[in-house]
Amino acid sequence: YHIANNNITLHQNTKFSSHLFNLGGYFSQQNTRVSLNHEHSNILMNSLSIPSNKQIIDINTHVEHNSRFCMSRQLHKMILSRSSIGNFHGIIKVAKNSIKTDGHMKNDNLLTKELEKAMQKK
């Protein structure tokens, strides 16, 4: 089992990059929560997960744009084989006063056979 929780708070003129490469485990969960609290704070999150043999991978992201002129980019990919399961749940929340903020999230999955399952919720 592997469960990871990341809570990230960015301040003015800061940049953060996260790159996750996950080969799986019986159950692997990655929870990332980001708060963009000041102007010109930017985050880049990429992940590639390759579970197999009935492994389960769970990726959860929650990004809050709490200030104007912020940017977030997310790209999450899974290659599923041998009855593995991949779950992705992503949220981008934009506060009312966050003008000219930019958030982008993308999730792509490749199922190698009919027995694999990929679930996503945005």
C-alpha atoms as a PDB file:
ATOM      1  CA  TYR A   1       0.000   0.000   0.000  1.00  0.00           C
ATOM      2  CA  HIS A   2       1.079   3.558  -0.691  1.00  0.00           C
ATOM      3  CA  ILE A   3      -0.881   6.660   0.305  1.00  0.00           C
ATOM      4  CA  ALA A   4       0.594  10.142  -0.168  1.00  0.00           C
ATOM      5  CA  ASN A   5      -0.906  13.517   0.755  1.00  0.00           C
ATOM      6  CA  ASN A   6       0.559  16.791  -0.497  1.00  0.00           C
ATOM      7  CA  ASN A   7      -0.744  20.183   0.634  1.00  0.00           C
ATOM      8  CA  ILE A   8       0.862  23.025  -1.298  1.00  0.00           C
ATOM      9  CA  THR A   9       0.337  26.761  -0.747  1.00  0.00           C
ATOM     10  CA  LEU A  10       1.854  29.185  -3.237  1.00  0.00           C
ATOM     11  CA  HIS A  11       2.512  32.862  -2.594  1.00  0.00           C
ATOM     12  CA  GLN A  12       3.177  35.801  -4.914  1.00  0.00           C
ATOM     13  CA  ASN A  13       5.413  35.163  -7.959  1.00  0.00           C
ATOM     14  CA  THR A  14       6.038  31.506  -7.103  1.00  0.00           C
ATOM     15  CA  LYS A  15       6.131  28.451  -9.345  1.00  0.00           C
ATOM     16  CA  PHE A  16       5.835  24.805  -8.382  1.00  0.00           C
ATOM     17  CA  SER A  17       6.258  21.695 -10.541  1.00  0.00           C
ATOM     18  CA  SER A  18       5.328  18.140  -9.628  1.00  0.00           C
ATOM     19  CA  HIS A  19       6.100  15.078 -11.772  1.00  0.00           C
ATOM     20  CA  LEU A  20       4.814  11.699 -10.578  1.00  0.00           C
ATOM     21  CA  PHE A  21       5.799   8.368 -12.136  1.00  0.00           C
ATOM     22  CA  ASN A  22       3.841   5.513 -10.565  1.00  0.00           C
ATOM     23  CA  LEU A  23       4.414   1.849 -11.390  1.00  0.00           C
ATOM     24  CA  GLY A  24       1.694   0.782  -8.981  1.00  0.00           C
ATOM     25  CA  GLY A  25       1.369  -1.303  -5.895  1.00  0.00           C
ATOM     26  CA  TYR A  26      -1.523  -3.333  -4.584  1.00  0.00           C
ATOM     27  CA  PHE A  27      -3.189   0.013  -3.807  1.00  0.00           C
ATOM     28  CA  SER A  28      -1.588   3.386  -4.528  1.00  0.00           C
ATOM     29  CA  GLN A  29      -3.239   6.726  -3.787  1.00  0.00           C
ATOM     30  CA  GLN A  30      -1.888  10.226  -4.491  1.00  0.00           C
ATOM     31  CA  ASN A  31      -3.803  13.188  -3.004  1.00  0.00           C
ATOM     32  CA  THR A  32      -2.652  16.696  -3.951  1.00  0.00           C
ATOM     33  CA  ARG A  33      -4.273  19.905  -2.749  1.00  0.00           C
ATOM     34  CA  VAL A  34      -2.973  23.253  -4.049  1.00  0.00           C
ATOM     35  CA  SER A  35      -3.884  26.812  -3.022  1.00  0.00           C
ATOM     36  CA  LEU A  36      -2.823  29.617  -5.368  1.00  0.00           C
ATOM     37  CA  ASN A  37      -3.248  32.461  -2.885  1.00  0.00           C
ATOM     38  CA  HIS A  38      -1.412  35.391  -4.459  1.00  0.00           C
ATOM     39  CA  GLU A  39      -0.902  36.965  -7.888  1.00  0.00           C
ATOM     40  CA  HIS A  40       1.314  35.252 -10.453  1.00  0.00           C
ATOM     41  CA  SER A  41       1.520  31.925  -8.634  1.00  0.00           C
ATOM     42  CA  ASN A  42       1.740  28.987 -11.035  1.00  0.00           C
ATOM     43  CA  ILE A  43       1.667  25.207 -10.737  1.00  0.00           C
ATOM     44  CA  LEU A  44       2.476  22.399 -13.174  1.00  0.00           C
ATOM     45  CA  MET A  45       1.418  18.828 -12.289  1.00  0.00           C
ATOM     46  CA  ASN A  46       2.165  15.815 -14.483  1.00  0.00           C
ATOM     47  CA  SER A  47       1.640  12.146 -13.708  1.00  0.00           C
ATOM     48  CA  LEU A  48       2.127   8.857 -15.529  1.00  0.00           C
ATOM     49  CA  SER A  49       0.773   5.703 -13.897  1.00  0.00           C
ATOM     50  CA  ILE A  50       1.296   2.173 -15.218  1.00  0.00           C
ATOM     51  CA  PRO A  51      -0.525  -0.353 -13.030  1.00  0.00           C
ATOM     52  CA  SER A  52      -0.908  -4.043 -13.907  1.00  0.00           C
ATOM     53  CA  ASN A  53      -1.863  -7.373 -12.293  1.00  0.00           C
ATOM     54  CA  LYS A  54      -5.035  -6.119 -10.545  1.00  0.00           C
ATOM     55  CA  GLN A  55      -3.257  -3.109  -9.039  1.00  0.00           C
ATOM     56  CA  ILE A  56      -5.325  -0.037  -8.168  1.00  0.00           C
ATOM     57  CA  ILE A  57      -4.125   3.537  -8.655  1.00  0.00           C
ATOM     58  CA  ASP A  58      -6.096   6.511  -7.347  1.00  0.00           C
ATOM     59  CA  ILE A  59      -5.081  10.102  -8.269  1.00  0.00           C
ATOM     60  CA  ASN A  60      -6.931  13.022  -6.623  1.00  0.00           C
ATOM     61  CA  THR A  61      -6.182  16.697  -7.274  1.00  0.00           C
ATOM     62  CA  HIS A  62      -7.827  19.829  -5.904  1.00  0.00           C
ATOM     63  CA  VAL A  63      -6.532  23.220  -7.108  1.00  0.00           C
ATOM     64  CA  GLU A  64      -7.920  26.499  -5.773  1.00  0.00           C
ATOM     65  CA  HIS A  65      -7.348  29.726  -7.702  1.00  0.00           C
ATOM     66  CA  ASN A  66      -7.794  32.257  -4.885  1.00  0.00           C
ATOM     67  CA  SER A  67      -6.147  35.238  -6.565  1.00  0.00           C
ATOM     68  CA  ARG A  68      -5.982  36.871  -9.962  1.00  0.00           C
ATOM     69  CA  PHE A  69      -3.335  36.224 -12.641  1.00  0.00           C
ATOM     70  CA  CYS A  70      -2.655  32.633 -11.513  1.00  0.00           C
ATOM     71  CA  MET A  71      -2.106  29.600 -13.735  1.00  0.00           C
ATOM     72  CA  SER A  72      -2.426  25.846 -13.235  1.00  0.00           C
ATOM     73  CA  ARG A  73      -1.645  23.071 -15.720  1.00  0.00           C
ATOM     74  CA  GLN A  74      -2.358  19.398 -15.094  1.00  0.00           C
ATOM     75  CA  LEU A  75      -1.717  16.383 -17.319  1.00  0.00           C
ATOM     76  CA  HIS A  76      -2.431  12.902 -15.958  1.00  0.00           C
ATOM     77  CA  LYS A  77      -2.021   9.690 -17.968  1.00  0.00           C
ATOM     78  CA  MET A  78      -2.591   6.025 -17.152  1.00  0.00           C
ATOM     79  CA  ILE A  79      -1.684   2.869 -19.060  1.00  0.00           C
ATOM     80  CA  LEU A  80      -3.765   0.045 -17.611  1.00  0.00           C
ATOM     81  CA  SER A  81      -3.149  -3.668 -18.166  1.00  0.00           C
ATOM     82  CA  ARG A  82      -3.946  -7.083 -16.667  1.00  0.00           C
ATOM     83  CA  SER A  83      -7.196  -6.238 -14.830  1.00  0.00           C
ATOM     84  CA  SER A  84      -5.818  -3.088 -13.211  1.00  0.00           C
ATOM     85  CA  ILE A  85      -7.969  -0.140 -12.140  1.00  0.00           C
ATOM     86  CA  GLY A  86      -7.190   3.553 -12.508  1.00  0.00           C
ATOM     87  CA  ASN A  87      -9.196   6.342 -10.832  1.00  0.00           C
ATOM     88  CA  PHE A  88      -8.728  10.058 -11.455  1.00  0.00           C
ATOM     89  CA  HIS A  89     -10.662  12.799  -9.667  1.00  0.00           C
ATOM     90  CA  GLY A  90      -9.719  16.408 -10.341  1.00  0.00           C
ATOM     91  CA  ILE A  91     -11.198  19.726  -9.257  1.00  0.00           C
ATOM     92  CA  ILE A  92     -10.256  23.278 -10.218  1.00  0.00           C
ATOM     93  CA  LYS A  93     -12.028  25.856  -8.066  1.00  0.00           C
ATOM     94  CA  VAL A  94     -11.881  29.549  -9.030  1.00  0.00           C
ATOM     95  CA  ALA A  95     -12.779  32.267  -6.516  1.00  0.00           C
ATOM     96  CA  LYS A  96     -15.070  35.095  -7.681  1.00  0.00           C
ATOM     97  CA  ASN A  97     -12.350  37.768  -7.442  1.00  0.00           C
ATOM     98  CA  SER A  98      -9.789  35.710  -9.405  1.00  0.00           C
ATOM     99  CA  ILE A  99      -9.897  37.588 -12.693  1.00  0.00           C
ATOM    100  CA  LYS A 100      -7.590  36.579 -15.538  1.00  0.00           C
ATOM    101  CA  THR A 101      -6.723  33.276 -13.890  1.00  0.00           C
ATOM    102  CA  ASP A 102      -6.141  30.205 -16.059  1.00  0.00           C
ATOM    103  CA  GLY A 103      -6.643  26.555 -15.114  1.00  0.00           C
ATOM    104  CA  HIS A 104      -6.290  23.529 -17.400  1.00  0.00           C
ATOM    105  CA  MET A 105      -6.656  19.832 -16.571  1.00  0.00           C
ATOM    106  CA  LYS A 106      -6.377  16.804 -18.873  1.00  0.00           C
ATOM    107  CA  ASN A 107      -6.629  13.074 -18.163  1.00  0.00           C
ATOM    108  CA  ASP A 108      -5.803  10.430 -20.812  1.00  0.00           C
ATOM    109  CA  ASN A 109      -6.042   6.664 -20.332  1.00  0.00           C
ATOM    110  CA  LEU A 110      -5.007   3.655 -22.404  1.00  0.00           C
ATOM    111  CA  LEU A 111      -6.705   0.311 -21.747  1.00  0.00           C
ATOM    112  CA  THR A 112      -4.725  -2.608 -23.171  1.00  0.00           C
ATOM    113  CA  LYS A 113      -7.596  -5.136 -22.891  1.00  0.00           C
ATOM    114  CA  GLU A 114     -11.280  -5.261 -21.993  1.00  0.00           C
ATOM    115  CA  LEU A 115     -10.659  -6.247 -18.348  1.00  0.00           C
ATOM    116  CA  GLU A 116      -9.141  -2.941 -17.241  1.00  0.00           C
ATOM    117  CA  LYS A 117     -11.190  -0.101 -15.770  1.00  0.00           C
ATOM    118  CA  ALA A 118     -10.528   3.625 -15.948  1.00  0.00           C
ATOM    119  CA  MET A 119     -12.726   6.076 -14.104  1.00  0.00           C
ATOM    120  CA  GLN A 120     -12.490   9.834 -14.106  1.00  0.00           C
ATOM    121  CA  LYS A 121     -14.427  12.607 -12.453  1.00  0.00           C
ATOM    122  CA  LYS A 122     -13.800  16.253 -13.174  1.00  0.00           C
END
